[in-house]
Structures are given as structure tokens and as C-alpha cells.
PDB file of N, CA and C in Angstrom:
ATOM      1  N   MET A   1       2.491 -39.543 -36.244  1.00  0.00           N
ATOM      2  CA  MET A   1       3.613 -39.373 -35.583  1.00  0.00           C
ATOM      3  C   MET A   1       3.760 -38.080 -34.640  1.00  0.00           C
ATOM      4  N   THR A   2       3.752 -38.037 -33.425  1.00  0.00           N
ATOM      5  CA  THR A   2       3.740 -37.142 -32.492  1.00  0.00           C
ATOM      6  C   THR A   2       5.373 -36.219 -32.649  1.00  0.00           C
ATOM      7  N   ALA A   3       4.931 -35.139 -32.389  1.00  0.00           N
ATOM      8  CA  ALA A   3       6.231 -34.237 -32.401  1.00  0.00           C
ATOM      9  C   ALA A   3       7.002 -34.548 -31.051  1.00  0.00           C
ATOM     10  N   PRO A   4       8.074 -34.452 -31.348  1.00  0.00           N
ATOM     11  CA  PRO A   4       9.136 -34.584 -29.922  1.00  0.00           C
ATOM     12  C   PRO A   4       9.233 -33.646 -29.074  1.00  0.00           C
ATOM     13  N   THR A   5       9.076 -33.877 -27.691  1.00  0.00           N
ATOM     14  CA  THR A   5       9.325 -32.996 -26.567  1.00  0.00           C
ATOM     15  C   THR A   5      10.303 -32.088 -26.923  1.00  0.00           C
ATOM     16  N   PRO A   6      10.157 -30.817 -26.885  1.00  0.00           N
ATOM     17  CA  PRO A   6      11.197 -29.708 -27.006  1.00  0.00           C
ATOM     18  C   PRO A   6      12.246 -29.713 -25.806  1.00  0.00           C
ATOM     19  N   THR A   7      13.316 -29.343 -26.177  1.00  0.00           N
ATOM     20  CA  THR A   7      14.429 -29.731 -25.243  1.00  0.00           C
ATOM     21  C   THR A   7      14.275 -28.416 -24.187  1.00  0.00           C
ATOM     22  N   PRO A   8      14.611 -28.512 -22.748  1.00  0.00           N
ATOM     23  CA  PRO A   8      14.233 -27.319 -22.098  1.00  0.00           C
ATOM     24  C   PRO A   8      15.338 -26.230 -22.379  1.00  0.00           C
ATOM     25  N   ARG A   9      15.038 -25.164 -22.524  1.00  0.00           N
ATOM     26  CA  ARG A   9      15.709 -23.999 -22.572  1.00  0.00           C
ATOM     27  C   ARG A   9      16.348 -23.394 -21.498  1.00  0.00           C
ATOM     28  N   LYS A  10      17.548 -23.018 -21.586  1.00  0.00           N
ATOM     29  CA  LYS A  10      18.195 -22.574 -20.145  1.00  0.00           C
ATOM     30  C   LYS A  10      17.895 -20.997 -20.322  1.00  0.00           C
ATOM     31  N   THR A  11      17.117 -20.524 -19.566  1.00  0.00           N
ATOM     32  CA  THR A  11      16.616 -19.062 -19.064  1.00  0.00           C
ATOM     33  C   THR A  11      17.427 -18.429 -18.328  1.00  0.00           C
ATOM     34  N   LYS A  12      17.173 -17.220 -18.125  1.00  0.00           N
ATOM     35  CA  LYS A  12      17.851 -16.196 -17.159  1.00  0.00           C
ATOM     36  C   LYS A  12      17.253 -15.836 -16.102  1.00  0.00           C
ATOM     37  N   ASP A  13      16.210 -16.816 -15.853  1.00  0.00           N
ATOM     38  CA  ASP A  13      15.089 -16.457 -14.675  1.00  0.00           C
ATOM     39  C   ASP A  13      16.021 -16.892 -13.243  1.00  0.00           C
ATOM     40  N   PRO A  14      16.462 -16.300 -12.510  1.00  0.00           N
ATOM     41  CA  PRO A  14      17.008 -16.107 -11.544  1.00  0.00           C
ATOM     42  C   PRO A  14      16.195 -16.771 -10.540  1.00  0.00           C
ATOM     43  N   LEU A  15      15.032 -16.707 -10.291  1.00  0.00           N
ATOM     44  CA  LEU A  15      14.125 -17.283  -9.561  1.00  0.00           C
ATOM     45  C   LEU A  15      14.098 -18.876  -9.597  1.00  0.00           C
ATOM     46  N   SER A  16      14.022 -19.402 -10.772  1.00  0.00           N
ATOM     47  CA  SER A  16      13.650 -20.716 -10.795  1.00  0.00           C
ATOM     48  C   SER A  16      15.090 -21.334 -10.367  1.00  0.00           C
ATOM     49  N   ALA A  17      16.375 -20.680 -10.881  1.00  0.00           N
ATOM     50  CA  ALA A  17      17.631 -21.219 -10.278  1.00  0.00           C
ATOM     51  C   ALA A  17      17.697 -21.175  -8.949  1.00  0.00           C
ATOM     52  N   LEU A  18      17.095 -20.164  -8.083  1.00  0.00           N
ATOM     53  CA  LEU A  18      17.256 -20.331  -6.755  1.00  0.00           C
ATOM     54  C   LEU A  18      16.462 -21.306  -6.037  1.00  0.00           C
ATOM     55  N   VAL A  19      15.195 -21.549  -6.540  1.00  0.00           N
ATOM     56  CA  VAL A  19      14.484 -22.529  -6.185  1.00  0.00           C
ATOM     57  C   VAL A  19      15.077 -23.958  -6.584  1.00  0.00           C
ATOM     58  N   ALA A  20      15.725 -24.230  -7.592  1.00  0.00           N
ATOM     59  CA  ALA A  20      16.206 -25.205  -7.963  1.00  0.00           C
ATOM     60  C   ALA A  20      17.710 -25.632  -6.907  1.00  0.00           C
ATOM     61  N   GLY A  21      18.268 -24.498  -6.769  1.00  0.00           N
ATOM     62  CA  GLY A  21      19.478 -24.636  -5.765  1.00  0.00           C
ATOM     63  C   GLY A  21      19.030 -24.989  -4.150  1.00  0.00           C
ATOM     64  N   VAL A  22      17.875 -24.252  -4.082  1.00  0.00           N
ATOM     65  CA  VAL A  22      17.451 -24.701  -2.570  1.00  0.00           C
ATOM     66  C   VAL A  22      16.875 -26.192  -2.346  1.00  0.00           C
ATOM     67  N   GLU A  23      15.962 -26.496  -3.620  1.00  0.00           N
ATOM     68  CA  GLU A  23      15.720 -27.735  -3.317  1.00  0.00           C
ATOM     69  C   GLU A  23      16.681 -28.782  -3.325  1.00  0.00           C
ATOM     70  N   GLN A  24      17.714 -28.767  -4.140  1.00  0.00           N
ATOM     71  CA  GLN A  24      18.959 -29.502  -4.254  1.00  0.00           C
ATOM     72  C   GLN A  24      19.573 -29.527  -2.907  1.00  0.00           C
ATOM     73  N   MET A  25      19.920 -28.405  -2.006  1.00  0.00           N
ATOM     74  CA  MET A  25      20.506 -28.414  -0.882  1.00  0.00           C
ATOM     75  C   MET A  25      19.783 -28.955   0.254  1.00  0.00           C
ATOM     76  N   LEU A  26      18.245 -28.776   0.301  1.00  0.00           N
ATOM     77  CA  LEU A  26      17.412 -29.477   1.160  1.00  0.00           C
ATOM     78  C   LEU A  26      17.321 -31.071   0.801  1.00  0.00           C
ATOM     79  N   SER A  27      17.333 -31.424  -0.107  1.00  0.00           N
ATOM     80  CA  SER A  27      17.009 -33.076  -0.647  1.00  0.00           C
ATOM     81  C   SER A  27      18.642 -33.636  -0.166  1.00  0.00           C
ATOM     82  N   GLU A  28      19.591 -32.938   0.338  1.00  0.00           N
ATOM     83  CA  GLU A  28      20.763 -33.381   0.561  1.00  0.00           C
ATOM     84  C   GLU A  28      21.085 -33.562   1.874  1.00  0.00           C
ATOM     85  N   LEU A  29      20.223 -32.997   2.777  1.00  0.00           N
ATOM     86  CA  LEU A  29      20.283 -32.747   4.317  1.00  0.00           C
ATOM     87  C   LEU A  29      20.286 -34.136   5.067  1.00  0.00           C
ATOM     88  N   ASP A  30      21.045 -34.360   6.242  1.00  0.00           N
ATOM     89  CA  ASP A  30      20.569 -35.536   6.849  1.00  0.00           C
ATOM     90  C   ASP A  30      19.544 -35.076   7.826  1.00  0.00           C
ATOM     91  N   ASP A  31      18.859 -36.128   8.607  1.00  0.00           N
ATOM     92  CA  ASP A  31      18.042 -35.892   9.605  1.00  0.00           C
ATOM     93  C   ASP A  31      18.521 -34.892  10.656  1.00  0.00           C
ATOM     94  N   ASP A  32      19.771 -35.002  11.180  1.00  0.00           N
ATOM     95  CA  ASP A  32      20.360 -33.963  12.085  1.00  0.00           C
ATOM     96  C   ASP A  32      20.479 -32.638  11.444  1.00  0.00           C
ATOM     97  N   ALA A  33      20.717 -32.449  10.457  1.00  0.00           N
ATOM     98  CA  ALA A  33      21.082 -31.084   9.879  1.00  0.00           C
ATOM     99  C   ALA A  33      19.621 -30.405   9.280  1.00  0.00           C
ATOM    100  N   TRP A  34      18.764 -31.494   9.029  1.00  0.00           N
ATOM    101  CA  TRP A  34      17.132 -30.858   8.763  1.00  0.00           C
ATOM    102  C   TRP A  34      16.749 -30.295  10.274  1.00  0.00           C
ATOM    103  N   GLN A  35      16.837 -30.983  11.174  1.00  0.00           N
ATOM    104  CA  GLN A  35      16.452 -30.604  12.775  1.00  0.00           C
ATOM    105  C   GLN A  35      17.069 -29.322  12.999  1.00  0.00           C
ATOM    106  N   GLN A  36      18.442 -29.074  12.666  1.00  0.00           N
ATOM    107  CA  GLN A  36      19.110 -28.035  13.098  1.00  0.00           C
ATOM    108  C   GLN A  36      18.564 -26.952  12.360  1.00  0.00           C
ATOM    109  N   LEU A  37      18.188 -27.341  11.009  1.00  0.00           N
ATOM    110  CA  LEU A  37      17.805 -25.951  10.030  1.00  0.00           C
ATOM    111  C   LEU A  37      16.215 -25.663  10.533  1.00  0.00           C
ATOM    112  N   VAL A  38      15.644 -26.721  10.925  1.00  0.00           N
ATOM    113  CA  VAL A  38      14.228 -26.492  11.270  1.00  0.00           C
ATOM    114  C   VAL A  38      14.054 -25.482  12.607  1.00  0.00           C
ATOM    115  N   ALA A  39      14.837 -25.823  13.583  1.00  0.00           N
ATOM    116  CA  ALA A  39      15.390 -25.143  15.171  1.00  0.00           C
ATOM    117  C   ALA A  39      15.630 -23.771  14.941  1.00  0.00           C
ATOM    118  N   ARG A  40      16.470 -23.377  13.697  1.00  0.00           N
ATOM    119  CA  ARG A  40      16.872 -22.260  13.636  1.00  0.00           C
ATOM    120  C   ARG A  40      16.012 -21.268  12.714  1.00  0.00           C
ATOM    121  N   VAL A  41      15.259 -21.698  11.810  1.00  0.00           N
ATOM    122  CA  VAL A  41      14.608 -20.736  11.102  1.00  0.00           C
ATOM    123  C   VAL A  41      12.671 -20.675  11.943  1.00  0.00           C
ATOM    124  N   ARG A  42      12.407 -21.804  12.398  1.00  0.00           N
ATOM    125  CA  ARG A  42      11.068 -21.394  12.888  1.00  0.00           C
ATOM    126  C   ARG A  42      10.935 -20.677  14.197  1.00  0.00           C
ATOM    127  N   PRO A  43       9.963 -19.722  14.458  1.00  0.00           N
ATOM    128  CA  PRO A  43       9.906 -19.620  15.670  1.00  0.00           C
ATOM    129  C   PRO A  43       9.810 -20.341  16.858  1.00  0.00           C
ATOM    130  N   PRO A  44      10.109 -19.890  18.095  1.00  0.00           N
ATOM    131  CA  PRO A  44      10.057 -21.107  18.995  1.00  0.00           C
ATOM    132  C   PRO A  44       8.483 -21.253  19.431  1.00  0.00           C
ATOM    133  N   ALA A  45       8.254 -22.479  20.057  1.00  0.00           N
ATOM    134  CA  ALA A  45       6.725 -22.614  20.169  1.00  0.00           C
ATOM    135  C   ALA A  45       6.474 -21.815  21.343  1.00  0.00           C
ATOM    136  N   ASP A  46       5.439 -21.025  21.320  1.00  0.00           N
ATOM    137  CA  ASP A  46       4.596 -20.718  22.680  1.00  0.00           C
ATOM    138  C   ASP A  46       4.614 -21.588  23.868  1.00  0.00           C
ATOM    139  N   THR A  47       5.135 -21.132  24.936  1.00  0.00           N
ATOM    140  CA  THR A  47       4.745 -22.272  26.035  1.00  0.00           C
ATOM    141  C   THR A  47       3.662 -21.704  27.098  1.00  0.00           C
ATOM    142  N   GLN A  48       3.279 -20.561  26.863  1.00  0.00           N
ATOM    143  CA  GLN A  48       1.824 -20.170  27.645  1.00  0.00           C
ATOM    144  C   GLN A  48       0.712 -20.323  26.536  1.00  0.00           C
ATOM    145  N   PRO A  49      -0.169 -20.729  26.861  1.00  0.00           N
ATOM    146  CA  PRO A  49      -1.471 -20.618  26.205  1.00  0.00           C
ATOM    147  C   PRO A  49      -2.208 -19.456  25.962  1.00  0.00           C
ATOM    148  N   GLN A  50      -2.539 -19.362  24.898  1.00  0.00           N
ATOM    149  CA  GLN A  50      -3.106 -18.286  24.392  1.00  0.00           C
ATOM    150  C   GLN A  50      -4.353 -17.788  25.060  1.00  0.00           C
ATOM    151  N   ALA A  51      -4.507 -16.695  25.222  1.00  0.00           N
ATOM    152  CA  ALA A  51      -5.902 -16.206  26.064  1.00  0.00           C
ATOM    153  C   ALA A  51      -6.964 -16.010  24.774  1.00  0.00           C
ATOM    154  N   THR A  52      -8.035 -16.608  25.115  1.00  0.00           N
ATOM    155  CA  THR A  52      -9.092 -16.573  23.961  1.00  0.00           C
ATOM    156  C   THR A  52      -9.862 -15.409  24.427  1.00  0.00           C
ATOM    157  N   GLU A  53      -9.992 -15.068  23.363  1.00  0.00           N
ATOM    158  CA  GLU A  53     -11.169 -13.851  23.183  1.00  0.00           C
ATOM    159  C   GLU A  53     -12.555 -13.970  22.997  1.00  0.00           C
ATOM    160  N   PRO A  54     -13.396 -13.360  24.139  1.00  0.00           N
ATOM    161  CA  PRO A  54     -14.638 -13.874  24.116  1.00  0.00           C
ATOM    162  C   PRO A  54     -15.502 -13.665  22.812  1.00  0.00           C
ATOM    163  N   LYS A  55     -16.198 -14.559  22.664  1.00  0.00           N
ATOM    164  CA  LYS A  55     -17.117 -14.163  21.124  1.00  0.00           C
ATOM    165  C   LYS A  55     -18.096 -13.156  21.260  1.00  0.00           C
ATOM    166  N   ALA A  56     -18.159 -12.405  20.295  1.00  0.00           N
ATOM    167  CA  ALA A  56     -19.188 -11.513  20.346  1.00  0.00           C
ATOM    168  C   ALA A  56     -20.360 -11.724  20.481  1.00  0.00           C
ATOM    169  N   ASP A  57     -21.231 -10.778  21.187  1.00  0.00           N
ATOM    170  CA  ASP A  57     -22.619 -11.067  21.145  1.00  0.00           C
ATOM    171  C   ASP A  57     -23.121 -10.622  19.657  1.00  0.00           C
ATOM    172  N   ALA A  58     -24.722 -11.138  19.419  1.00  0.00           N
ATOM    173  CA  ALA A  58     -24.726 -10.872  18.512  1.00  0.00           C
ATOM    174  C   ALA A  58     -25.267  -9.461  18.182  1.00  0.00           C
ATOM    175  N   THR A  59     -25.244  -8.562  19.222  1.00  0.00           N
ATOM    176  CA  THR A  59     -25.766  -7.388  19.337  1.00  0.00           C
ATOM    177  C   THR A  59     -24.415  -6.244  18.806  1.00  0.00           C
ATOM    178  N   ASP A  60     -23.253  -6.992  18.793  1.00  0.00           N
ATOM    179  CA  ASP A  60     -22.027  -6.339  18.499  1.00  0.00           C
ATOM    180  C   ASP A  60     -21.930  -6.184  17.024  1.00  0.00           C
ATOM    181  N   TYR A  61     -22.821  -6.662  16.070  1.00  0.00           N
ATOM    182  CA  TYR A  61     -22.581  -6.342  14.859  1.00  0.00           C
ATOM    183  C   TYR A  61     -23.552  -5.284  14.292  1.00  0.00           C
ATOM    184  N   PRO A  62     -23.548  -4.754  13.389  1.00  0.00           N
ATOM    185  CA  PRO A  62     -24.464  -3.555  12.926  1.00  0.00           C
ATOM    186  C   PRO A  62     -25.635  -4.056  12.546  1.00  0.00           C
ATOM    187  N   ALA A  63     -26.538  -3.217  12.651  1.00  0.00           N
ATOM    188  CA  ALA A  63     -28.218  -3.662  12.429  1.00  0.00           C
ATOM    189  C   ALA A  63     -28.161  -4.263  11.104  1.00  0.00           C
ATOM    190  N   SER A  64     -27.533  -3.457  10.121  1.00  0.00           N
ATOM    191  CA  SER A  64     -27.700  -3.920   8.665  1.00  0.00           C
ATOM    192  C   SER A  64     -27.000  -5.037   8.429  1.00  0.00           C
ATOM    193  N   TRP A  65     -26.537  -5.843   9.272  1.00  0.00           N
ATOM    194  CA  TRP A  65     -26.093  -7.241   8.809  1.00  0.00           C
ATOM    195  C   TRP A  65     -27.264  -8.213   9.076  1.00  0.00           C
ATOM    196  N   GLY A  66     -28.036  -7.796   9.937  1.00  0.00           N
ATOM    197  CA  GLY A  66     -29.016  -8.694  10.139  1.00  0.00           C
ATOM    198  C   GLY A  66     -29.127  -9.712  11.240  1.00  0.00           C
ATOM    199  N   TYR A  67     -27.990  -9.241  12.273  1.00  0.00           N
ATOM    200  CA  TYR A  67     -27.812 -10.226  13.211  1.00  0.00           C
ATOM    201  C   TYR A  67     -28.444  -9.234  14.444  1.00  0.00           C
ATOM    202  N   GLY A  68     -28.744 -10.183  15.570  1.00  0.00           N
ATOM    203  CA  GLY A  68     -29.047  -9.266  16.725  1.00  0.00           C
ATOM    204  C   GLY A  68     -30.596  -9.560  17.054  1.00  0.00           C
ATOM    205  N   LYS A  69     -31.239  -8.844  17.894  1.00  0.00           N
ATOM    206  CA  LYS A  69     -32.421  -8.904  18.154  1.00  0.00           C
ATOM    207  C   LYS A  69     -33.206  -8.512  17.137  1.00  0.00           C
ATOM    208  N   LYS A  70     -34.325  -8.993  16.852  1.00  0.00           N
ATOM    209  CA  LYS A  70     -35.153  -8.417  15.752  1.00  0.00           C
ATOM    210  C   LYS A  70     -36.188  -7.600  16.325  1.00  0.00           C
ATOM    211  N   ALA A  71     -36.512  -6.438  15.852  1.00  0.00           N
ATOM    212  CA  ALA A  71     -37.451  -5.459  16.274  1.00  0.00           C
ATOM    213  C   ALA A  71     -38.791  -5.960  16.065  1.00  0.00           C
ATOM    214  N   SER A  72     -39.856  -6.062  16.662  1.00  0.00           N
ATOM    215  CA  SER A  72     -41.069  -6.498  16.244  1.00  0.00           C
ATOM    216  C   SER A  72     -41.729  -5.125  15.809  1.00  0.00           C
ATOM    217  N   ASN A  73     -42.545  -5.346  14.902  1.00  0.00           N
ATOM    218  CA  ASN A  73     -43.279  -3.981  14.207  1.00  0.00           C
ATOM    219  C   ASN A  73     -44.778  -4.015  14.654  1.00  0.00           C
ATOM    220  N   LYS A  74     -45.231  -4.775  15.748  1.00  0.00           N
ATOM    221  CA  LYS A  74     -46.357  -5.052  15.955  1.00  0.00           C
ATOM    222  C   LYS A  74     -46.863  -3.833  17.301  1.00  0.00           C
TER     223      LYS A  74
END
């Protein structure tokens, strides 16, 4: 015979209570309310393209990393 599953204890963990409340609130939002919430909390999309940094040359790394031109010992 297996032991019965223990009943959940009510704890005074405020984080789990907060998470449960947020999950409940989000699950009750309709599509319009969800879109309004997303528009309010997300940063606006960048309309300008990001300037790309040029890739570093192999000589930009310290010699101890083993990148770059190999010195010949001959």
C-alpha cells in the first residue's frame, strides 16, 4: 500500500503567493488586454538598424591566447 500524498501546507512564502497571483491575473486577460499589457511593459522596438562592430583581427588578442600570426623559430 502506498502512502497518501500529503496535503499541501499553507506557508508564509510571499514569493509563491505573488507568483500564483500574477499567473492567475495573466490567465484571465483577454487578447486585447494582453496586447495592451505587452505594449506597456516591453521597450519599444528599435526602428534604426544596429551598427555592427567590425570583427576583431587575430592580432587583437594577447599572444598567450594562441591566436594571431605564428612566429617562426627558424
